[in-house]
């Protein structure tokens, strides 16, 4: 390939993609990553575990917390894309993001992200209490630090992403004043680490030999280390859940069957089934794995049913 052809190809790759139709509002919505909002459903985890999910007050508060957490996450995405706009324009896929493509101007992305980052915790302090507002502020600070520098620090990047999931699971309990048990925190935290490290492992496997084609930090990890992390996290998550399930022991007198103990079977099967995709290196997007695998979905439904019966003590 001649020098002229190389220069022409490089110029083509670095030129921003043409803005998509739909205007500024559509671009802002795309930058907020609606597909990722499903993660925020974790706000119901603590109230569901405590059996306090179906009162009108609980549902109202959880819907509000879901919206506020989504606003905070959108603020982080907007600031991140504005900050990385120049680098994204040189990426074959990210160059189509609204900010990189010019559909959303960089100052607008910063302004909207900043407004959301201020308004969401303020509304939380007024409508949900100081504990919820403090957690949202901590989430914003942590995620912004991640965007700026922590995503380039080995191990810390895994801890930050995992903590983000754990905060989602905690905030519903804080909003309703529900005490968070040690087993809930252990199982949720290590379950999140399992999925996060499995995703990193899958990315590393798929991009082996393609240095520079994906996040730079992956070149610093070895697949053996990432495999060790997701295997360790899976083991601790299973142990924590089993200790919770066996904590009371025996068959409750008011329950037909020991649903708490039986739910261990479904939980372990779910971990083992997900580990199949992690081992293959195809667990890059957790939501896709969970929604597309029919067996995993059925196991999940069975676990929800047994867990619900255990909480209801039927």
Protein backbone atom coordinates (compact mmCIF):
# COMPACT_ATOMS: atom_id res chain seq x y z
CA UNK A 1 0.00 0.00 0.00
CA UNK A 2 1.45 3.39 -1.00
CA UNK A 3 2.01 6.22 1.50
CA UNK A 4 -0.82 8.19 -0.13
CA UNK A 5 -3.24 5.30 0.29
CA UNK A 6 -2.24 4.85 3.95
CA UNK A 7 -2.74 8.55 4.60
CA UNK A 8 -6.13 8.47 2.88
CA UNK A 9 -7.23 5.45 4.94
CA UNK A 10 -6.06 7.07 8.20
CA UNK A 11 -7.89 10.29 7.33
CA UNK A 12 -11.06 8.32 6.60
CA UNK A 13 -10.84 6.51 9.96
CA UNK A 14 -10.29 9.73 11.91
CA UNK A 15 -13.04 11.70 10.14
CA UNK A 16 -16.20 11.88 12.31
CA UNK A 17 -19.09 9.75 11.19
CA UNK A 18 -22.01 11.72 9.74
CA UNK A 19 -24.59 12.65 12.39
CA UNK A 20 -27.56 10.32 12.58
CA UNK A 21 -31.05 11.58 11.99
CA UNK A 22 -33.16 12.50 14.97
CA UNK A 23 -31.51 15.66 16.20
CA UNK A 24 -29.98 16.68 19.48
CA UNK A 25 -32.52 15.06 21.83
CA UNK A 26 -32.22 11.70 20.10
CA UNK A 27 -28.45 11.96 20.32
CA UNK A 28 -28.58 12.74 24.03
CA UNK A 29 -30.86 9.76 24.58
CA UNK A 30 -28.49 7.43 22.71
CA UNK A 31 -25.55 8.76 24.71
CA UNK A 32 -27.43 7.94 27.93
CA UNK A 33 -27.25 4.24 26.88
CA UNK A 34 -30.90 3.09 27.34
CA UNK A 35 -29.81 -0.52 26.85
CA UNK A 36 -27.75 -0.27 30.04
CA UNK A 37 -30.70 0.89 32.15
CA UNK A 38 -31.67 -2.72 32.77
CA UNK A 39 -28.78 -2.86 35.27
CA UNK A 40 -30.61 -0.38 37.48
CA UNK A 41 -33.36 -2.93 38.13
CA UNK A 42 -30.99 -4.10 40.86
CA UNK A 43 -32.46 -1.34 43.05
CA UNK A 44 -35.25 -3.78 43.94
CA UNK A 45 -32.80 -6.42 45.22
CA UNK A 46 -32.70 -5.48 48.91
CA UNK A 47 -36.47 -4.84 49.27
CA UNK A 48 -37.21 -8.09 47.46
CA UNK A 49 -34.86 -9.99 49.76
CA UNK A 50 -36.64 -8.49 52.77
CA UNK A 51 -40.13 -9.21 51.42
CA UNK A 52 -41.06 -5.52 51.35
CA UNK A 53 -41.52 -5.03 47.64
CA UNK A 54 -45.24 -4.79 46.97
CA UNK A 55 -46.56 -1.97 49.14
CA UNK A 56 -47.54 1.25 47.39
CA UNK A 57 -44.90 3.21 49.30
CA UNK A 58 -42.17 0.74 48.37
CA UNK A 59 -43.06 0.70 44.69
CA UNK A 60 -43.22 4.49 44.54
CA UNK A 61 -39.86 4.89 46.25
CA UNK A 62 -38.20 2.23 44.13
CA UNK A 63 -39.50 3.76 40.90
CA UNK A 64 -38.10 7.11 42.02
CA UNK A 65 -34.75 5.60 43.02
CA UNK A 66 -34.57 3.81 39.66
CA UNK A 67 -35.06 7.12 37.82
CA UNK A 68 -32.51 8.95 39.98
CA UNK A 69 -29.87 6.25 39.57
CA UNK A 70 -30.52 6.17 35.83
CA UNK A 71 -30.04 9.94 35.71
CA UNK A 72 -26.70 9.61 37.52
CA UNK A 73 -25.55 6.85 35.17
CA UNK A 74 -26.60 8.97 32.17
CA UNK A 75 -24.58 11.89 33.57
CA UNK A 76 -21.49 9.69 33.72
CA UNK A 77 -21.99 8.44 30.15
CA UNK A 78 -22.40 12.00 28.85
CA UNK A 79 -19.29 13.29 30.57
CA UNK A 80 -17.31 10.20 29.55
CA UNK A 81 -18.26 10.51 25.86
CA UNK A 82 -17.54 14.25 25.88
CA UNK A 83 -14.13 13.66 27.41
CA UNK A 84 -13.27 10.82 24.99
CA UNK A 85 -14.73 12.43 21.86
CA UNK A 86 -11.38 12.91 20.12
CA UNK A 87 -10.22 9.37 20.83
CA UNK A 88 -13.60 7.92 19.85
CA UNK A 89 -13.41 9.56 16.41
CA UNK A 90 -10.41 7.37 15.59
CA UNK A 91 -12.22 4.18 16.68
CA UNK A 92 -14.05 2.19 13.96
CA UNK A 93 -17.13 1.63 16.16
CA UNK A 94 -17.08 4.40 18.77
CA UNK A 95 -16.81 7.04 16.05
CA UNK A 96 -20.56 6.55 15.53
CA UNK A 97 -21.40 7.66 19.07
CA UNK A 98 -23.45 10.89 18.97
CA UNK A 99 -20.79 13.06 20.63
CA UNK A 100 -17.93 11.75 18.51
CA UNK A 101 -20.07 12.00 15.36
CA UNK A 102 -21.02 15.63 16.06
CA UNK A 103 -24.72 14.97 16.66
CA UNK A 104 -24.27 16.16 20.25
CA UNK A 105 -21.75 19.02 20.70
CA UNK A 106 -19.13 18.40 23.38
CA UNK A 107 -20.15 21.47 25.48
CA UNK A 108 -23.78 20.32 25.42
CA UNK A 109 -22.82 16.84 26.59
CA UNK A 110 -20.81 18.32 29.45
CA UNK A 111 -23.64 20.72 30.37
CA UNK A 112 -26.41 18.11 30.35
CA UNK A 113 -24.23 15.60 32.22
CA UNK A 114 -23.35 18.20 34.83
CA UNK A 115 -26.98 19.21 35.30
CA UNK A 116 -28.09 15.60 35.75
CA UNK A 117 -25.23 14.99 38.16
CA UNK A 118 -26.36 17.91 40.33
CA UNK A 119 -30.13 17.51 40.07
CA UNK A 120 -30.33 13.76 40.80
CA UNK A 121 -28.62 13.81 44.24
CA UNK A 122 -30.48 17.04 45.11
CA UNK A 123 -33.82 15.43 44.31
CA UNK A 124 -32.77 12.33 46.24
CA UNK A 125 -31.96 14.39 49.35
CA UNK A 126 -35.40 16.01 49.16
CA UNK A 127 -37.52 12.98 48.22
CA UNK A 128 -35.61 9.94 49.52
CA UNK A 129 -33.40 11.08 52.35
CA UNK A 130 -29.73 11.94 52.94
CA UNK A 131 -28.49 8.34 52.81
CA UNK A 132 -29.70 7.88 49.24
CA UNK A 133 -28.29 11.26 48.20
CA UNK A 134 -24.93 10.40 49.76
CA UNK A 135 -24.76 7.08 47.92
CA UNK A 136 -25.57 8.77 44.59
CA UNK A 137 -22.87 11.37 45.19
CA UNK A 138 -20.39 8.62 46.03
CA UNK A 139 -21.41 6.75 42.86
CA UNK A 140 -20.91 9.85 40.71
CA UNK A 141 -17.53 10.62 42.26
CA UNK A 142 -16.33 7.06 41.85
CA UNK A 143 -17.51 6.73 38.26
CA UNK A 144 -16.05 10.08 37.21
CA UNK A 145 -12.75 9.10 38.80
CA UNK A 146 -13.01 5.83 36.86
CA UNK A 147 -13.52 7.71 33.58
CA UNK A 148 -10.57 9.99 34.26
CA UNK A 149 -7.95 7.61 35.63
CA UNK A 150 -9.11 4.55 37.58
CA UNK A 151 -10.04 2.59 34.45
CA UNK A 152 -6.32 2.46 33.70
CA UNK A 153 -5.34 0.97 37.09
CA UNK A 154 -5.06 -2.82 37.32
CA UNK A 155 -7.52 -4.53 39.71
CA UNK A 156 -8.93 -1.16 40.80
CA UNK A 157 -10.94 -1.03 37.57
CA UNK A 158 -12.59 -4.36 38.46
CA UNK A 159 -13.31 -3.14 41.99
CA UNK A 160 -14.90 0.10 40.78
CA UNK A 161 -17.24 -1.57 38.29
CA UNK A 162 -18.19 -4.20 40.88
CA UNK A 163 -18.88 -1.52 43.48
CA UNK A 164 -21.17 0.23 41.02
CA UNK A 165 -23.34 -2.90 40.85
CA UNK A 166 -23.24 -3.26 44.63
CA UNK A 167 -24.40 0.34 45.05
CA UNK A 168 -27.36 -0.35 42.79
CA UNK A 169 -28.32 -3.31 44.96
CA UNK A 170 -27.91 -1.31 48.19
CA UNK A 171 -29.77 1.87 47.32
CA UNK A 172 -33.27 0.35 47.37
CA UNK A 173 -32.71 -0.83 50.93
CA UNK A 174 -31.42 2.59 51.97
CA UNK A 175 -34.45 4.32 50.43
CA UNK A 176 -36.86 2.11 52.42
CA UNK A 177 -34.81 1.93 55.61
CA UNK A 178 -34.20 -1.82 55.27
CA UNK A 179 -31.12 -3.20 57.09
CA UNK A 180 -28.67 -4.81 54.66
CA UNK A 181 -27.54 -8.24 55.85
CA UNK A 182 -23.93 -9.36 55.59
CA UNK A 183 -24.93 -12.33 53.41
CA UNK A 184 -26.78 -10.06 51.00
CA UNK A 185 -23.73 -7.81 50.63
CA UNK A 186 -21.29 -10.73 50.26
CA UNK A 187 -23.40 -12.60 47.72
CA UNK A 188 -24.24 -9.49 45.70
CA UNK A 189 -20.72 -8.12 45.75
CA UNK A 190 -18.96 -11.30 44.69
CA UNK A 191 -21.74 -12.17 42.25
CA UNK A 192 -21.12 -8.81 40.57
CA UNK A 193 -17.35 -9.40 40.59
CA UNK A 194 -17.96 -12.80 38.97
CA UNK A 195 -19.87 -11.22 36.07
CA UNK A 196 -17.50 -8.26 35.68
CA UNK A 197 -14.35 -10.40 35.63
CA UNK A 198 -16.03 -12.93 33.32
CA UNK A 199 -16.78 -10.08 30.93
CA UNK A 200 -13.17 -8.90 31.03
CA UNK A 201 -11.97 -12.45 30.51
CA UNK A 202 -14.24 -12.86 27.49
CA UNK A 203 -13.01 -9.58 26.01
CA UNK A 204 -9.40 -10.66 26.54
CA UNK A 205 -10.01 -14.03 24.88
CA UNK A 206 -11.83 -12.54 21.91
CA UNK A 207 -9.26 -9.80 21.34
CA UNK A 208 -6.16 -11.99 21.80
CA UNK A 209 -3.57 -10.96 19.25
CA UNK A 210 -5.42 -7.73 18.44
CA UNK A 211 -3.65 -5.32 20.77
CA UNK A 212 -5.06 -1.82 20.54
CA UNK A 213 -8.41 -2.94 19.17
CA UNK A 214 -10.09 -2.77 22.56
CA UNK A 215 -9.58 -1.21 26.00
CA UNK A 216 -5.87 -0.76 26.62
CA UNK A 217 -5.91 -2.22 30.13
CA UNK A 218 -6.77 -5.67 28.78
CA UNK A 219 -3.24 -5.97 27.48
CA UNK A 220 -2.02 -5.70 31.09
CA UNK A 221 -4.14 -8.60 32.34
CA UNK A 222 -3.49 -12.23 31.51
CA UNK A 223 -6.36 -14.55 30.72
CA UNK A 224 -5.11 -16.84 33.47
CA UNK A 225 -5.42 -14.09 36.07
CA UNK A 226 -8.92 -13.07 34.92
CA UNK A 227 -9.99 -16.71 34.96
CA UNK A 228 -8.72 -16.97 38.54
CA UNK A 229 -10.72 -13.87 39.54
CA UNK A 230 -14.05 -15.02 38.12
CA UNK A 231 -13.60 -18.51 39.54
CA UNK A 232 -12.75 -17.12 42.98
CA UNK A 233 -15.70 -14.70 42.87
CA UNK A 234 -18.11 -17.46 41.80
CA UNK A 235 -16.97 -19.65 44.68
CA UNK A 236 -17.39 -16.93 47.31
CA UNK A 237 -20.79 -15.92 45.93
CA UNK A 238 -22.03 -19.52 46.13
CA UNK A 239 -20.60 -19.93 49.64
CA UNK A 240 -22.21 -16.71 50.84
CA UNK A 241 -25.58 -17.68 49.42
CA UNK A 242 -25.43 -21.18 50.91
CA UNK A 243 -24.53 -19.81 54.34
CA UNK A 244 -27.53 -17.47 54.12
CA UNK A 245 -29.82 -20.30 53.04
CA UNK A 246 -28.64 -22.63 55.79
CA UNK A 247 -28.46 -19.98 58.49
CA UNK A 248 -31.74 -20.95 60.15
CA UNK A 249 -31.48 -24.64 59.23
CA UNK A 250 -34.24 -27.19 59.10
CA UNK A 251 -37.73 -26.78 57.66
CA UNK A 252 -39.64 -23.71 58.87
CA UNK A 253 -42.83 -24.72 60.67
CA UNK A 254 -45.03 -22.35 58.66
CA UNK A 255 -43.62 -23.34 55.28
CA UNK A 256 -44.63 -26.28 53.10
CA UNK A 257 -41.05 -26.90 51.93
CA UNK A 258 -37.61 -25.51 52.89
CA UNK A 259 -37.60 -23.00 50.04
CA UNK A 260 -34.53 -21.16 51.32
CA UNK A 261 -32.46 -24.34 51.19
CA UNK A 262 -33.95 -25.50 47.90
CA UNK A 263 -33.17 -22.17 46.26
CA UNK A 264 -29.47 -23.02 46.64
CA UNK A 265 -29.86 -25.59 43.86
CA UNK A 266 -31.17 -23.03 41.37
CA UNK A 267 -28.57 -20.43 42.41
CA UNK A 268 -25.67 -22.86 41.98
CA UNK A 269 -27.03 -24.07 38.64
CA UNK A 270 -27.28 -20.47 37.46
CA UNK A 271 -23.65 -19.80 38.41
CA UNK A 272 -22.51 -23.01 36.71
CA UNK A 273 -24.52 -22.26 33.58
CA UNK A 274 -23.14 -18.73 33.32
CA UNK A 275 -19.64 -20.09 33.89
CA UNK A 276 -20.02 -22.13 30.68
CA UNK A 277 -20.17 -18.90 28.67
CA UNK A 278 -17.38 -17.34 30.74
CA UNK A 279 -15.16 -20.35 30.06
CA UNK A 280 -15.87 -20.13 26.32
CA UNK A 281 -15.04 -16.43 26.32
CA UNK A 282 -18.56 -15.46 25.20
CA UNK A 283 -19.76 -13.65 28.35
CA UNK A 284 -18.90 -10.21 27.02
CA UNK A 285 -22.33 -8.70 27.66
CA UNK A 286 -24.02 -10.12 30.79
CA UNK A 287 -27.48 -8.89 29.81
CA UNK A 288 -27.23 -10.68 26.46
CA UNK A 289 -26.14 -13.94 28.10
CA UNK A 290 -28.98 -13.84 30.62
CA UNK A 291 -31.69 -12.90 28.11
CA UNK A 292 -30.63 -15.10 25.19
CA UNK A 293 -29.88 -18.40 26.91
CA UNK A 294 -33.18 -20.21 27.46
CA UNK A 295 -31.82 -22.67 30.02
CA UNK A 296 -30.33 -19.87 32.11
CA UNK A 297 -33.60 -17.94 31.89
CA UNK A 298 -35.57 -20.98 33.11
CA UNK A 299 -33.15 -21.51 35.98
CA UNK A 300 -33.54 -17.84 36.85
CA UNK A 301 -37.33 -18.13 36.89
CA UNK A 302 -37.11 -21.19 39.14
CA UNK A 303 -34.77 -19.37 41.51
CA UNK A 304 -37.03 -16.31 41.67
CA UNK A 305 -40.02 -18.54 42.43
CA UNK A 306 -38.28 -20.42 45.23
CA UNK A 307 -36.69 -17.28 46.64
CA UNK A 308 -40.07 -15.55 46.62
CA UNK A 309 -41.69 -18.47 48.44
CA UNK A 310 -38.87 -18.41 50.99
CA UNK A 311 -39.31 -14.69 51.65
CA UNK A 312 -43.10 -15.07 51.86
CA UNK A 313 -42.57 -18.10 54.14
CA UNK A 314 -45.24 -20.15 52.29
